[in-house]
Protein backbone atom coordinates (compact mmCIF):
# COMPACT_ATOMS: atom_id res chain seq x y z
CA MET A 1 49.27 57.22 -72.51
CA VAL A 2 49.10 53.59 -73.17
CA SER A 3 48.83 52.34 -69.69
CA ARG A 4 45.87 54.76 -69.40
CA VAL A 5 44.13 53.47 -72.58
CA TRP A 6 45.28 49.50 -71.26
CA SER A 7 43.52 50.17 -67.88
CA LEU A 8 40.59 52.19 -69.57
CA MET A 9 39.71 49.04 -72.23
CA ARG A 10 40.15 46.53 -69.07
CA PHE A 11 37.71 48.60 -66.97
CA LEU A 12 35.24 49.01 -70.05
CA ILE A 13 35.78 45.26 -70.92
CA LYS A 14 34.98 44.14 -66.65
CA GLY A 15 32.14 46.65 -66.91
CA SER A 16 30.23 45.10 -70.02
CA VAL A 17 31.09 41.32 -68.46
CA ALA A 18 29.27 42.64 -65.67
CA GLY A 19 26.47 44.14 -67.09
CA GLY A 20 25.83 41.31 -69.53
CA ALA A 21 25.51 38.99 -66.63
CA VAL A 22 23.07 41.39 -64.69
CA TYR A 23 21.07 41.58 -67.89
CA LEU A 24 21.40 38.03 -68.55
CA VAL A 25 19.88 36.90 -64.73
CA TYR A 26 17.42 39.92 -65.71
CA ASP A 27 16.17 38.52 -68.69
CA GLN A 28 16.38 34.93 -67.80
CA GLU A 29 14.13 35.89 -64.45
CA LEU A 30 16.58 33.91 -62.83
CA LEU A 31 15.68 35.43 -59.69
CA GLY A 32 12.37 34.62 -59.62
CA PRO A 33 10.68 31.41 -58.70
CA SER A 34 12.82 28.33 -58.60
CA ASP A 35 10.86 26.43 -61.13
CA LYS A 36 12.27 28.81 -63.76
CA SER A 37 15.96 28.60 -62.54
CA GLU A 38 15.57 25.16 -62.82
CA ALA A 39 14.21 25.13 -66.37
CA ALA A 40 17.35 27.29 -66.99
CA LEU A 41 19.81 25.60 -66.39
CA ARG A 42 18.26 22.26 -68.07
CA LYS A 43 18.55 24.93 -71.03
CA ALA A 44 21.70 25.63 -70.61
CA GLU A 45 22.52 21.92 -70.21
CA GLU A 46 20.99 21.51 -73.87
CA VAL A 47 22.37 23.95 -75.37
CA LEU A 48 26.02 24.80 -74.21
CA PRO A 49 27.66 21.51 -75.50
CA PRO A 50 26.92 22.01 -79.21
CA ALA A 51 27.83 25.56 -78.71
CA VAL A 52 31.23 24.75 -77.54
CA TYR A 53 31.47 21.91 -80.45
CA GLN A 54 30.67 24.56 -83.03
CA PHE A 55 33.01 27.26 -81.45
CA SER A 56 35.64 24.53 -81.43
CA GLN A 57 35.45 23.51 -84.96
CA TYR A 58 35.35 27.23 -86.15
CA VAL A 59 38.40 28.13 -83.99
CA SER A 60 40.10 24.92 -85.41
CA GLN A 61 39.03 26.21 -89.37
CA GLN A 62 40.47 29.46 -88.80
CA THR A 63 44.01 28.53 -86.91
CA GLY A 64 44.04 24.67 -88.55
CA LEU A 65 44.73 23.63 -85.18
CA GLN A 66 43.03 20.09 -83.97
CA ILE A 67 41.12 20.52 -80.76
CA PRO A 68 40.54 17.42 -79.31
CA GLN A 69 36.76 16.52 -78.70
CA LEU A 70 35.62 17.40 -74.93
CA PRO A 71 34.16 14.98 -73.02
CA ALA A 72 30.34 15.03 -72.22
CA PRO A 73 29.57 17.11 -69.34
CA PRO A 74 27.96 15.07 -66.68
CA LYS A 75 24.15 15.43 -65.93
CA ILE A 76 23.32 17.23 -62.91
CA ASN A 77 20.25 16.21 -60.71
CA PHE A 78 20.57 18.92 -58.13
CA PRO A 79 17.56 20.20 -56.00
CA ILE A 80 18.80 23.68 -56.50
CA ARG A 81 15.46 24.56 -54.22
CA GLU A 82 16.51 22.57 -51.29
CA SER A 83 19.96 24.14 -51.83
CA TRP A 84 18.79 27.74 -51.89
CA ASN A 85 16.73 26.99 -48.69
CA SER A 86 19.36 25.58 -46.45
CA GLY A 87 21.96 27.88 -47.70
CA ILE A 88 19.50 31.07 -46.76
CA ILE A 89 18.23 29.35 -43.22
CA LYS A 90 22.36 29.14 -42.79
CA VAL A 91 23.11 32.15 -42.82
CA MET A 92 20.51 33.79 -41.68
CA SER A 93 21.24 31.80 -38.07
CA ALA A 94 24.50 32.87 -38.27
CA LEU A 95 23.50 36.52 -38.82
CA SER A 96 21.15 35.90 -35.77
CA ALA A 97 23.59 34.53 -33.30
CA ALA A 98 26.65 36.95 -34.28
CA PRO A 99 25.77 39.60 -31.65
CA SER A 100 25.50 36.86 -28.94
CA LYS A 101 28.84 35.53 -30.26
CA ALA A 102 30.53 38.54 -30.23
CA ARG A 103 29.82 39.16 -26.99
CA GLU A 104 30.81 35.75 -26.21
CA TYR A 105 34.33 36.10 -27.78
CA SER A 106 34.81 39.33 -26.45
CA ARG A 107 34.41 38.71 -23.08
CA GLU A 108 36.84 35.48 -23.31
CA GLY A 109 39.33 37.67 -25.01
CA TRP A 110 39.20 40.08 -22.23
CA GLU A 111 39.13 37.22 -19.54
CA TYR A 112 42.65 36.02 -21.27
CA LEU A 113 44.18 39.46 -21.38
CA LYS A 114 43.40 39.80 -18.02
CA GLU A 115 45.47 36.22 -17.20
CA ARG A 116 48.13 37.56 -19.43
CA THR A 117 48.53 40.61 -18.03
CA LYS A 118 48.70 39.02 -14.19
């Protein structure tokens, strides 16, 4: 009985995290234009370090443990639009070449099997 409840709790927690992530992506319009994605990344860079610091202060007050200060996160100057486009281009070119590559590899495999059976 306990294992069934525990597995149900795990499923609900995982579903909540996944649902929250999907809602956050939709709410922040991260799948839209890359300008909005870059703005959300900049906003996260500004908001996340103070939030982590406040959380660590809260945990240390509640538990009495001293949590060492985390180093400052590195500044990211990364063009998301160019990386996204190059990734999409590579994936689409691989998908378009897949049938001919599959035919080529199957022919090579067939020839290899013919040679091995002689």
